[in-house]
Amino acid sequence: MSTIDNTPKAPKPAQGTPDASGQLADLLALMARLRADCPWDKKQTNHSLIPYAIEEAYELGEAVQSDDDEDIKGELGDVLLQVVFHCQMYAEQGRFDMKDVITTLQEKLIRRHPHVFEAETLKDDAAVKVRWDEIKAEEQQARLARGKMPRRLDEVKAGSALMQAQDVQKQASALGFDWDGVSGAFDKLDEEVAELKAELTNKSNVEIKANIREIEKELGDCMFALVNVARKLNLDAETATLTCVHKFKSRFGYIEEQLAVAGKGLEDSDITEMDALWEAAKRHERSS
């Protein structure tokens, strides 16, 4: 007696030079071809793609803010690429494919919108939000029934590392795991910075490279501790960092502009000259 094999199958690679047809099936076949024939695509894993997925989501946000249709189409495509890329690799592993992902999404949307698809009526968006949270709670109970025990910090929403760090700390604080004031957070920051320095002091480049994973952990501890300082000061670590990024880009742009006025480029300058222009940029900020 024959049995039906329901194991997900990866799409067959496209042959020849494919057309940009706008069809999902053709896109999946194209991704399969890239996984088969492109050295970079072939070496990727689901874990190696995580930074790219985060980056593309942020770039989509910036494109939407710009309101440029071409940029938005391009960035939406880049986000879709991440979905297609992951689905291709999971299908190769025999775990699930794009059809499974789409079906799961459809089921979730239908389940979470009873006011649209069933007799249930909700008067406004606030009521929709309340019902949405109730349904999510029911889904959580279903996960419990499958033996997936929740932990209190598992409800932290995905986001940038800074956003997650601050949210984790906020929720831990609500559960009583926190210092009374900012001084404890500063003491912890000093402790973590000292541990990072200890990993680097009097170490050769070879030793540092050999111990880079431990150093990475210590650096992460420092950043996490600094986020805690921001939280204790009622500041948003993500906003503070973005402000710094904007400031750095502005000052570096000032350096480029001043060098251009002098008929020079960055490659014609050195750190001493650029540092002097950096200080000039700071003075320019204060006077403007």
C-alpha atoms as a PDB file:
ATOM      1  CA  MET A   1       0.000   0.000   0.000  1.00  0.00           C
ATOM      2  CA  SER A   2       1.483   3.366  -1.043  1.00  0.00           C
ATOM      3  CA  THR A   3       1.674   6.344   1.290  1.00  0.00           C
ATOM      4  CA  ILE A   4       1.459  10.024   0.456  1.00  0.00           C
ATOM      5  CA  ASP A   5       4.646  11.980   1.128  1.00  0.00           C
ATOM      6  CA  ASN A   6       3.641  15.351   2.594  1.00  0.00           C
ATOM      7  CA  THR A   7       7.222  16.461   3.227  1.00  0.00           C
ATOM      8  CA  PRO A   8       7.662  20.013   1.883  1.00  0.00           C
ATOM      9  CA  LYS A   9       9.627  20.092  -1.350  1.00  0.00           C
ATOM     10  CA  ALA A  10      11.874  22.967  -2.348  1.00  0.00           C
ATOM     11  CA  PRO A  11      10.866  24.641  -5.637  1.00  0.00           C
ATOM     12  CA  LYS A  12      12.678  23.432  -8.740  1.00  0.00           C
ATOM     13  CA  PRO A  13      15.376  25.889  -9.902  1.00  0.00           C
ATOM     14  CA  ALA A  14      14.520  28.083 -12.879  1.00  0.00           C
ATOM     15  CA  GLN A  15      16.264  27.173 -16.116  1.00  0.00           C
ATOM     16  CA  GLY A  16      17.981  29.658 -18.418  1.00  0.00           C
ATOM     17  CA  THR A  17      17.646  33.396 -17.809  1.00  0.00           C
ATOM     18  CA  PRO A  18      14.267  33.933 -16.131  1.00  0.00           C
ATOM     19  CA  ASP A  19      11.822  36.734 -16.883  1.00  0.00           C
ATOM     20  CA  ALA A  20      10.660  39.221 -14.239  1.00  0.00           C
ATOM     21  CA  SER A  21       7.085  37.962 -14.556  1.00  0.00           C
ATOM     22  CA  GLY A  22       5.633  39.244 -11.277  1.00  0.00           C
ATOM     23  CA  GLN A  23       4.437  35.721 -10.387  1.00  0.00           C
ATOM     24  CA  LEU A  24       5.171  34.192  -6.969  1.00  0.00           C
ATOM     25  CA  ALA A  25       5.888  30.734  -8.437  1.00  0.00           C
ATOM     26  CA  ASP A  26       8.525  32.228 -10.740  1.00  0.00           C
ATOM     27  CA  LEU A  27      10.076  34.123  -7.828  1.00  0.00           C
ATOM     28  CA  LEU A  28      10.330  30.907  -5.795  1.00  0.00           C
ATOM     29  CA  ALA A  29      11.949  29.125  -8.753  1.00  0.00           C
ATOM     30  CA  LEU A  30      14.396  32.014  -9.142  1.00  0.00           C
ATOM     31  CA  MET A  31      15.341  31.783  -5.465  1.00  0.00           C
ATOM     32  CA  ALA A  32      15.915  28.045  -5.871  1.00  0.00           C
ATOM     33  CA  ARG A  33      18.213  28.786  -8.821  1.00  0.00           C
ATOM     34  CA  LEU A  34      20.204  31.279  -6.765  1.00  0.00           C
ATOM     35  CA  ARG A  35      20.582  28.763  -3.938  1.00  0.00           C
ATOM     36  CA  ALA A  36      21.838  26.203  -6.441  1.00  0.00           C
ATOM     37  CA  ASP A  37      24.213  28.361  -8.469  1.00  0.00           C
ATOM     38  CA  CYS A  38      25.229  31.507  -6.534  1.00  0.00           C
ATOM     39  CA  PRO A  39      28.194  30.924  -4.149  1.00  0.00           C
ATOM     40  CA  TRP A  40      27.028  33.599  -1.687  1.00  0.00           C
ATOM     41  CA  ASP A  41      23.385  32.507  -1.614  1.00  0.00           C
ATOM     42  CA  LYS A  42      24.450  28.860  -1.349  1.00  0.00           C
ATOM     43  CA  LYS A  43      26.475  29.413   1.838  1.00  0.00           C
ATOM     44  CA  GLN A  44      23.759  31.289   3.757  1.00  0.00           C
ATOM     45  CA  THR A  45      21.814  29.816   6.659  1.00  0.00           C
ATOM     46  CA  ASN A  46      18.617  30.903   8.388  1.00  0.00           C
ATOM     47  CA  HIS A  47      20.750  32.307  11.208  1.00  0.00           C
ATOM     48  CA  SER A  48      23.180  34.153   8.931  1.00  0.00           C
ATOM     49  CA  LEU A  49      20.246  36.014   7.333  1.00  0.00           C
ATOM     50  CA  ILE A  50      18.914  37.440  10.608  1.00  0.00           C
ATOM     51  CA  PRO A  51      20.855  40.748  10.393  1.00  0.00           C
ATOM     52  CA  TYR A  52      19.677  41.262   6.802  1.00  0.00           C
ATOM     53  CA  ALA A  53      16.015  40.752   7.742  1.00  0.00           C
ATOM     54  CA  ILE A  54      16.323  43.375  10.487  1.00  0.00           C
ATOM     55  CA  GLU A  55      18.159  45.780   8.203  1.00  0.00           C
ATOM     56  CA  GLU A  56      15.586  45.448   5.418  1.00  0.00           C
ATOM     57  CA  ALA A  57      12.696  46.127   7.814  1.00  0.00           C
ATOM     58  CA  TYR A  58      14.341  49.369   8.921  1.00  0.00           C
ATOM     59  CA  GLU A  59      15.074  50.391   5.336  1.00  0.00           C
ATOM     60  CA  LEU A  60      11.420  49.802   4.439  1.00  0.00           C
ATOM     61  CA  GLY A  61      10.417  52.132   7.280  1.00  0.00           C
ATOM     62  CA  GLU A  62      12.735  54.827   5.930  1.00  0.00           C
ATOM     63  CA  ALA A  63      11.374  54.372   2.407  1.00  0.00           C
ATOM     64  CA  VAL A  64       7.776  54.746   3.598  1.00  0.00           C
ATOM     65  CA  GLN A  65       8.793  57.953   5.386  1.00  0.00           C
ATOM     66  CA  SER A  66      10.345  59.253   2.148  1.00  0.00           C
ATOM     67  CA  ASP A  67       7.074  58.537   0.260  1.00  0.00           C
ATOM     68  CA  ASP A  68       9.048  57.675  -2.891  1.00  0.00           C
ATOM     69  CA  ASP A  69       7.210  54.960  -4.806  1.00  0.00           C
ATOM     70  CA  GLU A  70      10.332  53.502  -6.436  1.00  0.00           C
ATOM     71  CA  ASP A  71      12.148  53.295  -3.114  1.00  0.00           C
ATOM     72  CA  ILE A  72       9.113  51.747  -1.417  1.00  0.00           C
ATOM     73  CA  LYS A  73       8.718  49.110  -4.153  1.00  0.00           C
ATOM     74  CA  GLY A  74      12.401  48.272  -3.912  1.00  0.00           C
ATOM     75  CA  GLU A  75      12.396  47.967  -0.123  1.00  0.00           C
ATOM     76  CA  LEU A  76       9.170  45.943  -0.063  1.00  0.00           C
ATOM     77  CA  GLY A  77      10.874  43.615  -2.524  1.00  0.00           C
ATOM     78  CA  ASP A  78      13.905  43.328  -0.251  1.00  0.00           C
ATOM     79  CA  VAL A  79      11.661  42.388   2.686  1.00  0.00           C
ATOM     80  CA  LEU A  80       9.887  39.829   0.487  1.00  0.00           C
ATOM     81  CA  LEU A  81      13.288  38.440  -0.506  1.00  0.00           C
ATOM     82  CA  GLN A  82      13.988  37.631   3.122  1.00  0.00           C
ATOM     83  CA  VAL A  83      10.709  35.707   3.380  1.00  0.00           C
ATOM     84  CA  VAL A  84      11.361  33.819   0.140  1.00  0.00           C
ATOM     85  CA  PHE A  85      14.986  33.103   1.087  1.00  0.00           C
ATOM     86  CA  HIS A  86      14.042  31.656   4.478  1.00  0.00           C
ATOM     87  CA  CYS A  87      11.197  29.598   3.006  1.00  0.00           C
ATOM     88  CA  GLN A  88      13.544  28.153   0.378  1.00  0.00           C
ATOM     89  CA  MET A  89      16.023  27.006   3.014  1.00  0.00           C
ATOM     90  CA  TYR A  90      13.364  25.530   5.312  1.00  0.00           C
ATOM     91  CA  ALA A  91      11.884  23.694   2.329  1.00  0.00           C
ATOM     92  CA  GLU A  92      15.344  22.315   1.537  1.00  0.00           C
ATOM     93  CA  GLN A  93      15.423  21.001   5.122  1.00  0.00           C
ATOM     94  CA  GLY A  94      12.039  19.323   4.610  1.00  0.00           C
ATOM     95  CA  ARG A  95      10.423  21.382   7.390  1.00  0.00           C
ATOM     96  CA  PHE A  96       7.884  23.644   5.632  1.00  0.00           C
ATOM     97  CA  ASP A  97       7.510  25.745   2.497  1.00  0.00           C
ATOM     98  CA  MET A  98       5.956  28.983   1.267  1.00  0.00           C
ATOM     99  CA  LYS A  99       2.501  27.421   1.022  1.00  0.00           C
ATOM    100  CA  ASP A 100       2.662  26.476   4.705  1.00  0.00           C
ATOM    101  CA  VAL A 101       3.710  30.010   5.658  1.00  0.00           C
ATOM    102  CA  ILE A 102       0.897  31.590   3.641  1.00  0.00           C
ATOM    103  CA  THR A 103      -1.655  29.130   5.048  1.00  0.00           C
ATOM    104  CA  THR A 104      -0.518  29.862   8.617  1.00  0.00           C
ATOM    105  CA  LEU A 105      -0.856  33.583   7.993  1.00  0.00           C
ATOM    106  CA  GLN A 106      -4.310  33.206   6.449  1.00  0.00           C
ATOM    107  CA  GLU A 107      -5.496  31.119   9.391  1.00  0.00           C
ATOM    108  CA  LYS A 108      -4.195  33.687  11.862  1.00  0.00           C
ATOM    109  CA  LEU A 109      -5.818  36.635  10.058  1.00  0.00           C
ATOM    110  CA  ILE A 110      -9.158  34.854   9.864  1.00  0.00           C
ATOM    111  CA  ARG A 111      -8.959  33.720  13.494  1.00  0.00           C
ATOM    112  CA  ARG A 112      -8.106  37.208  14.756  1.00  0.00           C
ATOM    113  CA  HIS A 113     -10.855  38.997  12.803  1.00  0.00           C
ATOM    114  CA  PRO A 114     -14.123  37.401  13.929  1.00  0.00           C
ATOM    115  CA  HIS A 115     -15.754  40.839  13.673  1.00  0.00           C
ATOM    116  CA  VAL A 116     -15.129  40.686   9.913  1.00  0.00           C
ATOM    117  CA  PHE A 117     -15.851  37.059   9.090  1.00  0.00           C
ATOM    118  CA  GLU A 118     -18.397  36.090  11.750  1.00  0.00           C
ATOM    119  CA  ALA A 119     -21.522  37.565  13.343  1.00  0.00           C
ATOM    120  CA  GLU A 120     -19.486  39.259  16.061  1.00  0.00           C
ATOM    121  CA  THR A 121     -19.555  43.065  15.829  1.00  0.00           C
ATOM    122  CA  LEU A 122     -17.154  45.547  17.381  1.00  0.00           C
ATOM    123  CA  LYS A 123     -17.983  49.258  17.502  1.00  0.00           C
ATOM    124  CA  ASP A 124     -14.524  50.839  17.125  1.00  0.00           C
ATOM    125  CA  ASP A 125     -10.791  50.194  16.804  1.00  0.00           C
ATOM    126  CA  ALA A 126     -10.356  50.139  20.601  1.00  0.00           C
ATOM    127  CA  ALA A 127     -12.814  47.257  20.849  1.00  0.00           C
ATOM    128  CA  VAL A 128     -10.977  45.498  18.005  1.00  0.00           C
ATOM    129  CA  LYS A 129      -7.710  45.827  19.953  1.00  0.00           C
ATOM    130  CA  VAL A 130      -9.300  44.357  23.097  1.00  0.00           C
ATOM    131  CA  ARG A 131     -10.710  41.412  21.128  1.00  0.00           C
ATOM    132  CA  TRP A 132      -7.357  40.942  19.351  1.00  0.00           C
ATOM    133  CA  ASP A 133      -5.594  40.643  22.728  1.00  0.00           C
ATOM    134  CA  GLU A 134      -8.228  38.168  23.938  1.00  0.00           C
ATOM    135  CA  ILE A 135      -7.662  35.982  20.882  1.00  0.00           C
ATOM    136  CA  LYS A 136      -3.894  36.132  21.375  1.00  0.00           C
ATOM    137  CA  ALA A 137      -4.446  34.974  24.971  1.00  0.00           C
ATOM    138  CA  GLU A 138      -6.523  32.067  23.662  1.00  0.00           C
ATOM    139  CA  GLU A 139      -3.697  31.191  21.267  1.00  0.00           C
ATOM    140  CA  GLN A 140      -1.308  31.252  24.215  1.00  0.00           C
ATOM    141  CA  GLN A 141      -3.532  28.753  26.024  1.00  0.00           C
ATOM    142  CA  ALA A 142      -3.457  26.542  22.928  1.00  0.00           C
ATOM    143  CA  ARG A 143       0.360  26.639  23.013  1.00  0.00           C
ATOM    144  CA  LEU A 144       0.207  25.638  26.680  1.00  0.00           C
ATOM    145  CA  ALA A 145      -1.940  22.685  25.726  1.00  0.00           C
ATOM    146  CA  ARG A 146       0.804  21.605  23.312  1.00  0.00           C
ATOM    147  CA  GLY A 147       3.277  21.649  26.192  1.00  0.00           C
ATOM    148  CA  LYS A 148       5.006  24.937  25.349  1.00  0.00           C
ATOM    149  CA  MET A 149       5.444  26.565  28.742  1.00  0.00           C
ATOM    150  CA  PRO A 150       5.567  30.377  28.546  1.00  0.00           C
ATOM    151  CA  ARG A 151       8.053  32.462  30.485  1.00  0.00           C
ATOM    152  CA  ARG A 152       7.319  35.975  31.669  1.00  0.00           C
ATOM    153  CA  LEU A 153       9.863  37.640  29.371  1.00  0.00           C
ATOM    154  CA  ASP A 154       8.793  35.670  26.288  1.00  0.00           C
ATOM    155  CA  GLU A 155       6.197  38.366  25.568  1.00  0.00           C
ATOM    156  CA  VAL A 156       8.922  40.918  24.767  1.00  0.00           C
ATOM    157  CA  LYS A 157       8.244  42.079  21.235  1.00  0.00           C
ATOM    158  CA  ALA A 158      10.810  41.682  18.482  1.00  0.00           C
ATOM    159  CA  GLY A 159      12.705  44.796  17.510  1.00  0.00           C
ATOM    160  CA  SER A 160      16.211  46.146  17.456  1.00  0.00           C
ATOM    161  CA  ALA A 161      18.610  44.880  20.107  1.00  0.00           C
ATOM    162  CA  LEU A 162      18.311  48.180  22.006  1.00  0.00           C
ATOM    163  CA  MET A 163      14.509  48.070  21.931  1.00  0.00           C
ATOM    164  CA  GLN A 164      14.411  44.482  23.158  1.00  0.00           C
ATOM    165  CA  ALA A 165      16.993  45.150  25.864  1.00  0.00           C
ATOM    166  CA  GLN A 166      15.003  48.069  27.246  1.00  0.00           C
ATOM    167  CA  ASP A 167      11.726  46.128  27.095  1.00  0.00           C
ATOM    168  CA  VAL A 168      13.260  43.105  28.838  1.00  0.00           C
ATOM    169  CA  GLN A 169      14.610  45.341  31.595  1.00  0.00           C
ATOM    170  CA  LYS A 170      11.286  47.142  31.962  1.00  0.00           C
ATOM    171  CA  GLN A 171       9.376  43.893  32.364  1.00  0.00           C
ATOM    172  CA  ALA A 172      11.955  42.452  34.760  1.00  0.00           C
ATOM    173  CA  SER A 173      11.657  45.640  36.818  1.00  0.00           C
ATOM    174  CA  ALA A 174       7.880  45.216  36.987  1.00  0.00           C
ATOM    175  CA  LEU A 175       8.556  41.780  38.485  1.00  0.00           C
ATOM    176  CA  GLY A 176      10.805  43.279  41.175  1.00  0.00           C
ATOM    177  CA  PHE A 177      14.181  42.544  39.557  1.00  0.00           C
ATOM    178  CA  ASP A 178      15.724  46.029  39.547  1.00  0.00           C
ATOM    179  CA  TRP A 179      17.768  48.604  41.448  1.00  0.00           C
ATOM    180  CA  ASP A 180      16.062  51.420  43.322  1.00  0.00           C
ATOM    181  CA  GLY A 181      17.948  54.184  41.535  1.00  0.00           C
ATOM    182  CA  VAL A 182      20.298  54.874  38.652  1.00  0.00           C
ATOM    183  CA  SER A 183      23.440  54.427  40.787  1.00  0.00           C
ATOM    184  CA  GLY A 184      23.067  50.637  40.756  1.00  0.00           C
ATOM    185  CA  ALA A 185      22.804  50.672  36.965  1.00  0.00           C
ATOM    186  CA  PHE A 186      25.940  52.823  36.737  1.00  0.00           C
ATOM    187  CA  ASP A 187      27.823  50.472  39.057  1.00  0.00           C
ATOM    188  CA  LYS A 188      26.832  47.544  36.841  1.00  0.00           C
ATOM    189  CA  LEU A 189      27.983  49.450  33.753  1.00  0.00           C
ATOM    190  CA  ASP A 190      31.371  50.134  35.364  1.00  0.00           C
ATOM    191  CA  GLU A 191      31.665  46.442  36.254  1.00  0.00           C
ATOM    192  CA  GLU A 192      30.892  45.287  32.713  1.00  0.00           C
ATOM    193  CA  VAL A 193      33.283  47.813  31.114  1.00  0.00           C
ATOM    194  CA  ALA A 194      36.048  46.609  33.458  1.00  0.00           C
ATOM    195  CA  GLU A 195      35.405  43.010  32.394  1.00  0.00           C
ATOM    196  CA  LEU A 196      35.589  43.990  28.719  1.00  0.00           C
ATOM    197  CA  LYS A 197      38.854  45.842  29.299  1.00  0.00           C
ATOM    198  CA  ALA A 198      40.261  42.797  31.094  1.00  0.00           C
ATOM    199  CA  GLU A 199      39.609  40.717  27.973  1.00  0.00           C
ATOM    200  CA  LEU A 200      41.562  43.208  25.838  1.00  0.00           C
ATOM    201  CA  THR A 201      44.360  44.540  28.028  1.00  0.00           C
ATOM    202  CA  ASN A 202      47.865  43.316  27.132  1.00  0.00           C
ATOM    203  CA  LYS A 203      46.448  40.926  24.536  1.00  0.00           C
ATOM    204  CA  SER A 204      47.894  40.486  21.066  1.00  0.00           C
ATOM    205  CA  ASN A 205      45.718  40.654  17.961  1.00  0.00           C
ATOM    206  CA  VAL A 206      46.081  36.888  17.651  1.00  0.00           C
ATOM    207  CA  GLU A 207      44.860  36.366  21.223  1.00  0.00           C
ATOM    208  CA  ILE A 208      41.958  38.758  20.703  1.00  0.00           C
ATOM    209  CA  LYS A 209      40.914  36.991  17.512  1.00  0.00           C
ATOM    210  CA  ALA A 210      41.079  33.607  19.232  1.00  0.00           C
ATOM    211  CA  ASN A 211      38.845  34.881  22.038  1.00  0.00           C
ATOM    212  CA  ILE A 212      36.535  37.039  19.914  1.00  0.00           C
ATOM    213  CA  ARG A 213      33.316  35.246  20.917  1.00  0.00           C
ATOM    214  CA  GLU A 214      33.943  35.836  24.621  1.00  0.00           C
ATOM    215  CA  ILE A 215      34.796  39.457  23.864  1.00  0.00           C
ATOM    216  CA  GLU A 216      31.556  39.760  21.929  1.00  0.00           C
ATOM    217  CA  LYS A 217      29.645  38.575  25.005  1.00  0.00           C
ATOM    218  CA  GLU A 218      31.409  41.106  27.225  1.00  0.00           C
ATOM    219  CA  LEU A 219      30.673  43.888  24.742  1.00  0.00           C
ATOM    220  CA  GLY A 220      27.014  42.852  24.729  1.00  0.00           C
ATOM    221  CA  ASP A 221      26.984  43.008  28.530  1.00  0.00           C
ATOM    222  CA  CYS A 222      28.315  46.564  28.379  1.00  0.00           C
ATOM    223  CA  MET A 223      25.664  47.671  25.912  1.00  0.00           C
ATOM    224  CA  PHE A 224      22.902  45.977  27.899  1.00  0.00           C
ATOM    225  CA  ALA A 225      24.101  47.735  31.066  1.00  0.00           C
ATOM    226  CA  LEU A 226      24.166  51.103  29.283  1.00  0.00           C
ATOM    227  CA  VAL A 227      20.584  50.564  28.104  1.00  0.00           C
ATOM    228  CA  ASN A 228      19.691  50.002  31.747  1.00  0.00           C
ATOM    229  CA  VAL A 229      21.130  53.421  32.596  1.00  0.00           C
ATOM    230  CA  ALA A 230      18.950  54.953  29.876  1.00  0.00           C
ATOM    231  CA  ARG A 231      15.875  53.189  31.264  1.00  0.00           C
ATOM    232  CA  LYS A 232      16.559  54.373  34.797  1.00  0.00           C
ATOM    233  CA  LEU A 233      16.784  57.938  33.430  1.00  0.00           C
ATOM    234  CA  ASN A 234      13.443  57.479  31.608  1.00  0.00           C
ATOM    235  CA  LEU A 235      15.201  57.845  28.273  1.00  0.00           C
ATOM    236  CA  ASP A 236      14.697  55.661  25.221  1.00  0.00           C
ATOM    237  CA  ALA A 237      17.977  53.961  24.267  1.00  0.00           C
ATOM    238  CA  GLU A 238      16.926  53.526  20.629  1.00  0.00           C
ATOM    239  CA  THR A 239      16.054  57.209  20.235  1.00  0.00           C
ATOM    240  CA  ALA A 240      19.245  58.303  21.979  1.00  0.00           C
ATOM    241  CA  THR A 241      21.357  56.128  19.683  1.00  0.00           C
ATOM    242  CA  LEU A 242      19.552  57.286  16.547  1.00  0.00           C
ATOM    243  CA  THR A 243      20.127  60.893  17.645  1.00  0.00           C
ATOM    244  CA  CYS A 244      23.830  60.125  17.960  1.00  0.00           C
ATOM    245  CA  VAL A 245      23.904  58.459  14.525  1.00  0.00           C
ATOM    246  CA  HIS A 246      22.248  61.529  12.994  1.00  0.00           C
ATOM    247  CA  LYS A 247      24.714  63.807  14.758  1.00  0.00           C
ATOM    248  CA  PHE A 248      27.700  61.762  13.588  1.00  0.00           C
ATOM    249  CA  LYS A 249      26.480  61.750   9.978  1.00  0.00           C
ATOM    250  CA  SER A 250      25.896  65.513  10.128  1.00  0.00           C
ATOM    251  CA  ARG A 251      29.367  66.242  11.503  1.00  0.00           C
ATOM    252  CA  PHE A 252      31.062  63.907   9.043  1.00  0.00           C
ATOM    253  CA  GLY A 253      29.126  65.575   6.241  1.00  0.00           C
ATOM    254  CA  TYR A 254      30.494  68.930   7.471  1.00  0.00           C
ATOM    255  CA  ILE A 255      34.038  67.512   7.200  1.00  0.00           C
ATOM    256  CA  GLU A 256      33.405  66.444   3.598  1.00  0.00           C
ATOM    257  CA  GLU A 257      31.911  69.828   2.724  1.00  0.00           C
ATOM    258  CA  GLN A 258      34.821  71.793   4.191  1.00  0.00           C
ATOM    259  CA  LEU A 259      37.371  69.596   2.467  1.00  0.00           C
ATOM    260  CA  ALA A 260      35.510  70.086  -0.827  1.00  0.00           C
ATOM    261  CA  VAL A 261      35.658  73.871  -0.363  1.00  0.00           C
ATOM    262  CA  ALA A 262      39.424  73.478  -0.023  1.00  0.00           C
ATOM    263  CA  GLY A 263      39.504  71.411  -3.206  1.00  0.00           C
ATOM    264  CA  LYS A 264      40.227  68.189  -1.364  1.00  0.00           C
ATOM    265  CA  GLY A 265      38.537  64.854  -0.739  1.00  0.00           C
ATOM    266  CA  LEU A 266      38.532  62.538   2.254  1.00  0.00           C
ATOM    267  CA  GLU A 267      41.270  60.431   0.673  1.00  0.00           C
ATOM    268  CA  ASP A 268      43.470  63.569   0.458  1.00  0.00           C
ATOM    269  CA  SER A 269      43.150  64.288   4.164  1.00  0.00           C
ATOM    270  CA  ASP A 270      44.449  62.654   7.342  1.00  0.00           C
ATOM    271  CA  ILE A 271      43.078  62.032  10.820  1.00  0.00           C
ATOM    272  CA  THR A 272      44.628  65.211  12.244  1.00  0.00           C
ATOM    273  CA  GLU A 273      42.925  67.437   9.690  1.00  0.00           C
ATOM    274  CA  MET A 274      39.638  65.571   9.925  1.00  0.00           C
ATOM    275  CA  ASP A 275      39.680  65.727  13.730  1.00  0.00           C
ATOM    276  CA  ALA A 276      40.199  69.516  13.570  1.00  0.00           C
ATOM    277  CA  LEU A 277      37.239  69.798  11.194  1.00  0.00           C
ATOM    278  CA  TRP A 278      35.204  67.561  13.548  1.00  0.00           C
ATOM    279  CA  GLU A 279      35.769  70.066  16.340  1.00  0.00           C
ATOM    280  CA  ALA A 280      34.812  72.855  13.929  1.00  0.00           C
ATOM    281  CA  ALA A 281      31.593  70.976  13.150  1.00  0.00           C
ATOM    282  CA  LYS A 282      30.777  70.872  16.865  1.00  0.00           C
ATOM    283  CA  ARG A 283      31.333  74.637  17.136  1.00  0.00           C
ATOM    284  CA  HIS A 284      29.158  75.139  14.044  1.00  0.00           C
ATOM    285  CA  GLU A 285      26.353  73.151  15.697  1.00  0.00           C
ATOM    286  CA  ARG A 286      26.476  75.316  18.815  1.00  0.00           C
ATOM    287  CA  SER A 287      26.401  78.554  16.819  1.00  0.00           C
ATOM    288  CA  SER A 288      23.541  77.534  14.517  1.00  0.00           C
END
